[in-house]
């Protein structure tokens, strides 16, 4: 359901929220600069 927690990032205790990067296109051991 469309709960208040789901209206913005942070529902799952995450530190970083993005769009377009998922478990499908990230690999174990990837080295990323930010």
ModelCIF file with pLDDT and N, C-alpha, C, O atoms, coordinates in Angstrom:
data_MODEL
#
_entry.id   MODEL 
#
_entity.id                         1 
_entity.type                       polymer 
_entity.pdbx_number_of_molecules   1 
#
_entity_poly.entity_id                      1 
_entity_poly.type                           'polypeptide(L)' 
_entity_poly.nstd_linkage                   no 
_entity_poly.nstd_monomer                   no 
_entity_poly.pdbx_seq_one_letter_code       
;(UNK)(UNK)(UNK)(UNK)(UNK)(UNK)(UNK)(UNK)(UNK)(UNK)(UNK)(UNK)(UNK)(UNK)(UNK)(UNK)
(UNK)(UNK)(UNK)(UNK)(UNK)(UNK)(UNK)(UNK)(UNK)(UNK)(UNK)(UNK)(UNK)(UNK)(UNK)(UNK)
(UNK)(UNK)
;
_entity_poly.pdbx_seq_one_letter_code_can   XXXXXXXXXXXXXXXXXXXXXXXXXXXXXXXXXX 
_entity_poly.pdbx_strand_id                 A 
#
loop_
_entity_poly_seq.entity_id 
_entity_poly_seq.num 
_entity_poly_seq.mon_id 
_entity_poly_seq.hetero 
1 1  UNK n 
1 2  UNK n 
1 3  UNK n 
1 4  UNK n 
1 5  UNK n 
1 6  UNK n 
1 7  UNK n 
1 8  UNK n 
1 9  UNK n 
1 10 UNK n 
1 11 UNK n 
1 12 UNK n 
1 13 UNK n 
1 14 UNK n 
1 15 UNK n 
1 16 UNK n 
1 17 UNK n 
1 18 UNK n 
1 19 UNK n 
1 20 UNK n 
1 21 UNK n 
1 22 UNK n 
1 23 UNK n 
1 24 UNK n 
1 25 UNK n 
1 26 UNK n 
1 27 UNK n 
1 28 UNK n 
1 29 UNK n 
1 30 UNK n 
1 31 UNK n 
1 32 UNK n 
1 33 UNK n 
1 34 UNK n 
#
_struct_asym.id          A 
_struct_asym.entity_id   1 
#
loop_
_ma_qa_metric.id 
_ma_qa_metric.mode 
_ma_qa_metric.name 
_ma_qa_metric.software_group_id 
_ma_qa_metric.type 
1 global pLDDT . pLDDT 
2 local  pLDDT . pLDDT 
#
_ma_qa_metric_global.metric_id      1 
_ma_qa_metric_global.metric_value   96.50 
_ma_qa_metric_global.model_id       1 
_ma_qa_metric_global.ordinal_id     1 
#
loop_
_ma_qa_metric_local.label_asym_id 
_ma_qa_metric_local.label_comp_id 
_ma_qa_metric_local.label_seq_id 
_ma_qa_metric_local.metric_id 
_ma_qa_metric_local.metric_value 
_ma_qa_metric_local.model_id 
_ma_qa_metric_local.ordinal_id 
A UNK 1  2 92.00 1 1  
A UNK 2  2 90.00 1 2  
A UNK 3  2 93.00 1 3  
A UNK 4  2 93.00 1 4  
A UNK 5  2 94.00 1 5  
A UNK 6  2 97.00 1 6  
A UNK 7  2 95.00 1 7  
A UNK 8  2 96.00 1 8  
A UNK 9  2 97.00 1 9  
A UNK 10 2 96.00 1 10 
A UNK 11 2 96.00 1 11 
A UNK 12 2 96.00 1 12 
A UNK 13 2 95.00 1 13 
A UNK 14 2 97.00 1 14 
A UNK 15 2 97.00 1 15 
A UNK 16 2 98.00 1 16 
A UNK 17 2 98.00 1 17 
A UNK 18 2 98.00 1 18 
A UNK 19 2 98.00 1 19 
A UNK 20 2 97.00 1 20 
A UNK 21 2 97.00 1 21 
A UNK 22 2 98.00 1 22 
A UNK 23 2 98.00 1 23 
A UNK 24 2 97.00 1 24 
A UNK 25 2 96.00 1 25 
A UNK 26 2 98.00 1 26 
A UNK 27 2 98.00 1 27 
A UNK 28 2 98.00 1 28 
A UNK 29 2 98.00 1 29 
A UNK 30 2 98.00 1 30 
A UNK 31 2 98.00 1 31 
A UNK 32 2 98.00 1 32 
A UNK 33 2 98.00 1 33 
A UNK 34 2 98.00 1 34 
#
loop_
_atom_site.group_PDB 
_atom_site.id 
_atom_site.type_symbol 
_atom_site.label_atom_id 
_atom_site.label_alt_id 
_atom_site.label_comp_id 
_atom_site.label_asym_id 
_atom_site.label_entity_id 
_atom_site.label_seq_id 
_atom_site.pdbx_PDB_ins_code 
_atom_site.Cartn_x 
_atom_site.Cartn_y 
_atom_site.Cartn_z 
_atom_site.occupancy 
_atom_site.B_iso_or_equiv 
_atom_site.pdbx_formal_charge 
_atom_site.auth_seq_id 
_atom_site.auth_comp_id 
_atom_site.auth_asym_id 
_atom_site.auth_atom_id 
_atom_site.pdbx_PDB_model_num 
ATOM 1   N N  . UNK A 1 1  ? 0.814  -1.207 0.000   1.00 92.00 ? 1  UNK A N  1 
ATOM 2   C CA . UNK A 1 1  ? 0.000  0.000  0.000   1.00 92.00 ? 1  UNK A CA 1 
ATOM 3   C C  . UNK A 1 1  ? 0.848  1.258  0.000   1.00 92.00 ? 1  UNK A C  1 
ATOM 4   O O  . UNK A 1 1  ? 2.042  1.225  0.299   1.00 92.00 ? 1  UNK A O  1 
ATOM 5   N N  . UNK A 1 2  ? 0.211  2.362  -0.339  1.00 90.00 ? 2  UNK A N  1 
ATOM 6   C CA . UNK A 1 2  ? 0.929  3.638  -0.455  1.00 90.00 ? 2  UNK A CA 1 
ATOM 7   C C  . UNK A 1 2  ? 1.070  4.287  0.912   1.00 90.00 ? 2  UNK A C  1 
ATOM 8   O O  . UNK A 1 2  ? 0.418  5.284  1.222   1.00 90.00 ? 2  UNK A O  1 
ATOM 9   N N  . UNK A 1 3  ? 1.936  3.696  1.715   1.00 93.00 ? 3  UNK A N  1 
ATOM 10  C CA . UNK A 1 3  ? 2.135  4.155  3.089   1.00 93.00 ? 3  UNK A CA 1 
ATOM 11  C C  . UNK A 1 3  ? 2.961  5.435  3.129   1.00 93.00 ? 3  UNK A C  1 
ATOM 12  O O  . UNK A 1 3  ? 3.706  5.742  2.198   1.00 93.00 ? 3  UNK A O  1 
ATOM 13  N N  . UNK A 1 4  ? 2.816  6.164  4.211   1.00 93.00 ? 4  UNK A N  1 
ATOM 14  C CA . UNK A 1 4  ? 3.565  7.415  4.373   1.00 93.00 ? 4  UNK A CA 1 
ATOM 15  C C  . UNK A 1 4  ? 5.060  7.178  4.264   1.00 93.00 ? 4  UNK A C  1 
ATOM 16  O O  . UNK A 1 4  ? 5.776  7.993  3.681   1.00 93.00 ? 4  UNK A O  1 
ATOM 17  N N  . UNK A 1 5  ? 5.545  6.062  4.823   1.00 94.00 ? 5  UNK A N  1 
ATOM 18  C CA . UNK A 1 5  ? 6.971  5.753  4.779   1.00 94.00 ? 5  UNK A CA 1 
ATOM 19  C C  . UNK A 1 5  ? 7.498  5.654  3.351   1.00 94.00 ? 5  UNK A C  1 
ATOM 20  O O  . UNK A 1 5  ? 8.678  5.899  3.102   1.00 94.00 ? 5  UNK A O  1 
ATOM 21  N N  . UNK A 1 6  ? 6.617  5.295  2.411   1.00 97.00 ? 6  UNK A N  1 
ATOM 22  C CA . UNK A 1 6  ? 7.039  5.045  1.039   1.00 97.00 ? 6  UNK A CA 1 
ATOM 23  C C  . UNK A 1 6  ? 6.894  6.258  0.132   1.00 97.00 ? 6  UNK A C  1 
ATOM 24  O O  . UNK A 1 6  ? 7.060  6.149  -1.083  1.00 97.00 ? 6  UNK A O  1 
ATOM 25  N N  . UNK A 1 7  ? 6.591  7.397  0.707   1.00 95.00 ? 7  UNK A N  1 
ATOM 26  C CA . UNK A 1 7  ? 6.403  8.598  -0.103  1.00 95.00 ? 7  UNK A CA 1 
ATOM 27  C C  . UNK A 1 7  ? 7.710  9.304  -0.443  1.00 95.00 ? 7  UNK A C  1 
ATOM 28  O O  . UNK A 1 7  ? 7.737  10.195 -1.292  1.00 95.00 ? 7  UNK A O  1 
ATOM 29  N N  . UNK A 1 8  ? 8.788  8.906  0.217   1.00 96.00 ? 8  UNK A N  1 
ATOM 30  C CA . UNK A 1 8  ? 10.096 9.512  -0.041  1.00 96.00 ? 8  UNK A CA 1 
ATOM 31  C C  . UNK A 1 8  ? 11.179 8.511  0.362   1.00 96.00 ? 8  UNK A C  1 
ATOM 32  O O  . UNK A 1 8  ? 10.906 7.603  1.147   1.00 96.00 ? 8  UNK A O  1 
ATOM 33  N N  . UNK A 1 9  ? 12.394 8.655  -0.154  1.00 97.00 ? 9  UNK A N  1 
ATOM 34  C CA . UNK A 1 9  ? 13.488 7.759  0.242   1.00 97.00 ? 9  UNK A CA 1 
ATOM 35  C C  . UNK A 1 9  ? 13.687 7.756  1.757   1.00 97.00 ? 9  UNK A C  1 
ATOM 36  O O  . UNK A 1 9  ? 13.372 8.727  2.445   1.00 97.00 ? 9  UNK A O  1 
ATOM 37  N N  . UNK A 1 10 ? 14.217 6.646  2.254   1.00 96.00 ? 10 UNK A N  1 
ATOM 38  C CA . UNK A 1 10 ? 14.518 6.521  3.674   1.00 96.00 ? 10 UNK A CA 1 
ATOM 39  C C  . UNK A 1 10 ? 13.715 5.468  4.393   1.00 96.00 ? 10 UNK A C  1 
ATOM 40  O O  . UNK A 1 10 ? 13.971 5.198  5.567   1.00 96.00 ? 10 UNK A O  1 
ATOM 41  N N  . UNK A 1 11 ? 12.742 4.857  3.719   1.00 96.00 ? 11 UNK A N  1 
ATOM 42  C CA . UNK A 1 11 ? 11.882 3.875  4.388   1.00 96.00 ? 11 UNK A CA 1 
ATOM 43  C C  . UNK A 1 11 ? 12.660 2.684  4.914   1.00 96.00 ? 11 UNK A C  1 
ATOM 44  O O  . UNK A 1 11 ? 12.268 2.077  5.911   1.00 96.00 ? 11 UNK A O  1 
ATOM 45  N N  . UNK A 1 12 ? 13.760 2.345  4.253   1.00 96.00 ? 12 UNK A N  1 
ATOM 46  C CA . UNK A 1 12 ? 14.476 1.122  4.586   1.00 96.00 ? 12 UNK A CA 1 
ATOM 47  C C  . UNK A 1 12 ? 15.808 1.386  5.299   1.00 96.00 ? 12 UNK A C  1 
ATOM 48  O O  . UNK A 1 12 ? 16.654 0.498  5.402   1.00 96.00 ? 12 UNK A O  1 
ATOM 49  N N  . UNK A 1 13 ? 15.979 2.600  5.780   1.00 95.00 ? 13 UNK A N  1 
ATOM 50  C CA . UNK A 1 13 ? 17.187 2.923  6.515   1.00 95.00 ? 13 UNK A CA 1 
ATOM 51  C C  . UNK A 1 13 ? 18.403 3.116  5.645   1.00 95.00 ? 13 UNK A C  1 
ATOM 52  O O  . UNK A 1 13 ? 19.535 3.001  6.114   1.00 95.00 ? 13 UNK A O  1 
ATOM 53  N N  . UNK A 1 14 ? 18.174 3.412  4.363   1.00 97.00 ? 14 UNK A N  1 
ATOM 54  C CA . UNK A 1 14 ? 19.294 3.565  3.442   1.00 97.00 ? 14 UNK A CA 1 
ATOM 55  C C  . UNK A 1 14 ? 20.035 4.878  3.664   1.00 97.00 ? 14 UNK A C  1 
ATOM 56  O O  . UNK A 1 14 ? 19.466 5.861  4.140   1.00 97.00 ? 14 UNK A O  1 
ATOM 57  N N  . UNK A 1 15 ? 21.311 4.870  3.312   1.00 97.00 ? 15 UNK A N  1 
ATOM 58  C CA . UNK A 1 15 ? 22.144 6.084  3.340   1.00 97.00 ? 15 UNK A CA 1 
ATOM 59  C C  . UNK A 1 15 ? 22.139 6.817  2.012   1.00 97.00 ? 15 UNK A C  1 
ATOM 60  O O  . UNK A 1 15 ? 22.216 8.045  1.973   1.00 97.00 ? 15 UNK A O  1 
ATOM 61  N N  . UNK A 1 16 ? 22.048 6.057  0.912   1.00 98.00 ? 16 UNK A N  1 
ATOM 62  C CA . UNK A 1 16 ? 22.094 6.622  -0.435  1.00 98.00 ? 16 UNK A CA 1 
ATOM 63  C C  . UNK A 1 16 ? 20.880 6.143  -1.214  1.00 98.00 ? 16 UNK A C  1 
ATOM 64  O O  . UNK A 1 16 ? 20.551 4.957  -1.190  1.00 98.00 ? 16 UNK A O  1 
ATOM 65  N N  . UNK A 1 17 ? 20.219 7.056  -1.901  1.00 98.00 ? 17 UNK A N  1 
ATOM 66  C CA . UNK A 1 17 ? 19.099 6.712  -2.779  1.00 98.00 ? 17 UNK A CA 1 
ATOM 67  C C  . UNK A 1 17 ? 19.414 7.189  -4.196  1.00 98.00 ? 17 UNK A C  1 
ATOM 68  O O  . UNK A 1 17 ? 19.875 8.313  -4.398  1.00 98.00 ? 17 UNK A O  1 
ATOM 69  N N  . UNK A 1 18 ? 19.160 6.322  -5.165  1.00 98.00 ? 18 UNK A N  1 
ATOM 70  C CA . UNK A 1 18 ? 19.403 6.639  -6.566  1.00 98.00 ? 18 UNK A CA 1 
ATOM 71  C C  . UNK A 1 18 ? 18.281 6.073  -7.427  1.00 98.00 ? 18 UNK A C  1 
ATOM 72  O O  . UNK A 1 18 ? 17.437 5.315  -6.949  1.00 98.00 ? 18 UNK A O  1 
ATOM 73  N N  . UNK A 1 19 ? 18.285 6.447  -8.683  1.00 98.00 ? 19 UNK A N  1 
ATOM 74  C CA . UNK A 1 19 ? 17.391 5.859  -9.683  1.00 98.00 ? 19 UNK A CA 1 
ATOM 75  C C  . UNK A 1 19 ? 18.259 5.337  -10.827 1.00 98.00 ? 19 UNK A C  1 
ATOM 76  O O  . UNK A 1 19 ? 19.166 6.025  -11.296 1.00 98.00 ? 19 UNK A O  1 
ATOM 77  N N  . UNK A 1 20 ? 17.968 4.111  -11.270 1.00 97.00 ? 20 UNK A N  1 
ATOM 78  C CA . UNK A 1 20 ? 18.659 3.552  -12.418 1.00 97.00 ? 20 UNK A CA 1 
ATOM 79  C C  . UNK A 1 20 ? 19.783 2.589  -12.087 1.00 97.00 ? 20 UNK A C  1 
ATOM 80  O O  . UNK A 1 20 ? 20.329 1.947  -12.983 1.00 97.00 ? 20 UNK A O  1 
ATOM 81  N N  . UNK A 1 21 ? 20.138 2.478  -10.810 1.00 97.00 ? 21 UNK A N  1 
ATOM 82  C CA . UNK A 1 21 ? 21.173 1.538  -10.380 1.00 97.00 ? 21 UNK A CA 1 
ATOM 83  C C  . UNK A 1 21 ? 20.501 0.498  -9.490  1.00 97.00 ? 21 UNK A C  1 
ATOM 84  O O  . UNK A 1 21 ? 19.961 0.847  -8.441  1.00 97.00 ? 21 UNK A O  1 
ATOM 85  N N  . UNK A 1 22 ? 20.525 -0.765 -9.887  1.00 98.00 ? 22 UNK A N  1 
ATOM 86  C CA . UNK A 1 22 ? 19.870 -1.813 -9.100  1.00 98.00 ? 22 UNK A CA 1 
ATOM 87  C C  . UNK A 1 22 ? 20.783 -3.038 -8.994  1.00 98.00 ? 22 UNK A C  1 
ATOM 88  O O  . UNK A 1 22 ? 21.907 -3.039 -9.496  1.00 98.00 ? 22 UNK A O  1 
ATOM 89  N N  . UNK A 1 23 ? 20.282 -4.064 -8.339  1.00 98.00 ? 23 UNK A N  1 
ATOM 90  C CA . UNK A 1 23 ? 21.001 -5.326 -8.200  1.00 98.00 ? 23 UNK A CA 1 
ATOM 91  C C  . UNK A 1 23 ? 21.263 -5.992 -9.548  1.00 98.00 ? 23 UNK A C  1 
ATOM 92  O O  . UNK A 1 23 ? 22.103 -6.886 -9.650  1.00 98.00 ? 23 UNK A O  1 
ATOM 93  N N  . UNK A 1 24 ? 20.547 -5.557 -10.577 1.00 97.00 ? 24 UNK A N  1 
ATOM 94  C CA . UNK A 1 24 ? 20.741 -6.109 -11.920 1.00 97.00 ? 24 UNK A CA 1 
ATOM 95  C C  . UNK A 1 24 ? 22.033 -5.615 -12.560 1.00 97.00 ? 24 UNK A C  1 
ATOM 96  O O  . UNK A 1 24 ? 22.654 -6.347 -13.330 1.00 97.00 ? 24 UNK A O  1 
ATOM 97  N N  . UNK A 1 25 ? 22.447 -4.393 -12.257 1.00 96.00 ? 25 UNK A N  1 
ATOM 98  C CA . UNK A 1 25 ? 23.599 -3.822 -12.967 1.00 96.00 ? 25 UNK A CA 1 
ATOM 99  C C  . UNK A 1 25 ? 24.753 -3.413 -12.051 1.00 96.00 ? 25 UNK A C  1 
ATOM 100 O O  . UNK A 1 25 ? 25.628 -2.641 -12.442 1.00 96.00 ? 25 UNK A O  1 
ATOM 101 N N  . UNK A 1 26 ? 24.739 -3.946 -10.821 1.00 98.00 ? 26 UNK A N  1 
ATOM 102 C CA . UNK A 1 26 ? 25.867 -3.773 -9.892  1.00 98.00 ? 26 UNK A CA 1 
ATOM 103 C C  . UNK A 1 26 ? 26.411 -5.159 -9.565  1.00 98.00 ? 26 UNK A C  1 
ATOM 104 O O  . UNK A 1 26 ? 25.648 -6.112 -9.402  1.00 98.00 ? 26 UNK A O  1 
ATOM 105 N N  . UNK A 1 27 ? 27.734 -5.263 -9.470  1.00 98.00 ? 27 UNK A N  1 
ATOM 106 C CA . UNK A 1 27 ? 28.366 -6.559 -9.206  1.00 98.00 ? 27 UNK A CA 1 
ATOM 107 C C  . UNK A 1 27 ? 29.130 -6.546 -7.886  1.00 98.00 ? 27 UNK A C  1 
ATOM 108 O O  . UNK A 1 27 ? 29.566 -5.497 -7.411  1.00 98.00 ? 27 UNK A O  1 
ATOM 109 N N  . UNK A 1 28 ? 29.281 -7.725 -7.312  1.00 98.00 ? 28 UNK A N  1 
ATOM 110 C CA . UNK A 1 28 ? 30.132 -7.867 -6.132  1.00 98.00 ? 28 UNK A CA 1 
ATOM 111 C C  . UNK A 1 28 ? 31.537 -7.371 -6.462  1.00 98.00 ? 28 UNK A C  1 
ATOM 112 O O  . UNK A 1 28 ? 32.109 -7.728 -7.492  1.00 98.00 ? 28 UNK A O  1 
ATOM 113 N N  . UNK A 1 29 ? 32.076 -6.549 -5.580  1.00 98.00 ? 29 UNK A N  1 
ATOM 114 C CA . UNK A 1 29 ? 33.440 -6.087 -5.748  1.00 98.00 ? 29 UNK A CA 1 
ATOM 115 C C  . UNK A 1 29 ? 33.608 -4.889 -6.652  1.00 98.00 ? 29 UNK A C  1 
ATOM 116 O O  . UNK A 1 29 ? 34.734 -4.439 -6.863  1.00 98.00 ? 29 UNK A O  1 
ATOM 117 N N  . UNK A 1 30 ? 32.512 -4.347 -7.203  1.00 98.00 ? 30 UNK A N  1 
ATOM 118 C CA . UNK A 1 30 ? 32.629 -3.145 -8.026  1.00 98.00 ? 30 UNK A CA 1 
ATOM 119 C C  . UNK A 1 30 ? 33.337 -2.038 -7.240  1.00 98.00 ? 30 UNK A C  1 
ATOM 120 O O  . UNK A 1 30 ? 33.058 -1.829 -6.059  1.00 98.00 ? 30 UNK A O  1 
ATOM 121 N N  . UNK A 1 31 ? 34.244 -1.341 -7.896  1.00 98.00 ? 31 UNK A N  1 
ATOM 122 C CA . UNK A 1 31 ? 34.936 -0.198 -7.306  1.00 98.00 ? 31 UNK A CA 1 
ATOM 123 C C  . UNK A 1 31 ? 34.346 1.063  -7.928  1.00 98.00 ? 31 UNK A C  1 
ATOM 124 O O  . UNK A 1 31 ? 34.332 1.220  -9.149  1.00 98.00 ? 31 UNK A O  1 
ATOM 125 N N  . UNK A 1 32 ? 33.859 1.956  -7.070  1.00 98.00 ? 32 UNK A N  1 
ATOM 126 C CA . UNK A 1 32 ? 33.112 3.121  -7.527  1.00 98.00 ? 32 UNK A CA 1 
ATOM 127 C C  . UNK A 1 32 ? 33.669 4.374  -6.873  1.00 98.00 ? 32 UNK A C  1 
ATOM 128 O O  . UNK A 1 32 ? 33.929 4.396  -5.670  1.00 98.00 ? 32 UNK A O  1 
ATOM 129 N N  . UNK A 1 33 ? 33.852 5.421  -7.678  1.00 98.00 ? 33 UNK A N  1 
ATOM 130 C CA . UNK A 1 33 ? 34.233 6.711  -7.115  1.00 98.00 ? 33 UNK A CA 1 
ATOM 131 C C  . UNK A 1 33 ? 32.995 7.579  -6.969  1.00 98.00 ? 33 UNK A C  1 
ATOM 132 O O  . UNK A 1 33 ? 32.086 7.537  -7.798  1.00 98.00 ? 33 UNK A O  1 
ATOM 133 N N  . UNK A 1 34 ? 32.974 8.363  -5.904  1.00 98.00 ? 34 UNK A N  1 
ATOM 134 C CA . UNK A 1 34 ? 31.852 9.273  -5.657  1.00 98.00 ? 34 UNK A CA 1 
ATOM 135 C C  . UNK A 1 34 ? 32.383 10.452 -4.855  1.00 98.00 ? 34 UNK A C  1 
ATOM 136 O O  . UNK A 1 34 ? 31.626 11.362 -4.520  1.00 98.00 ? 34 UNK A O  1 
#
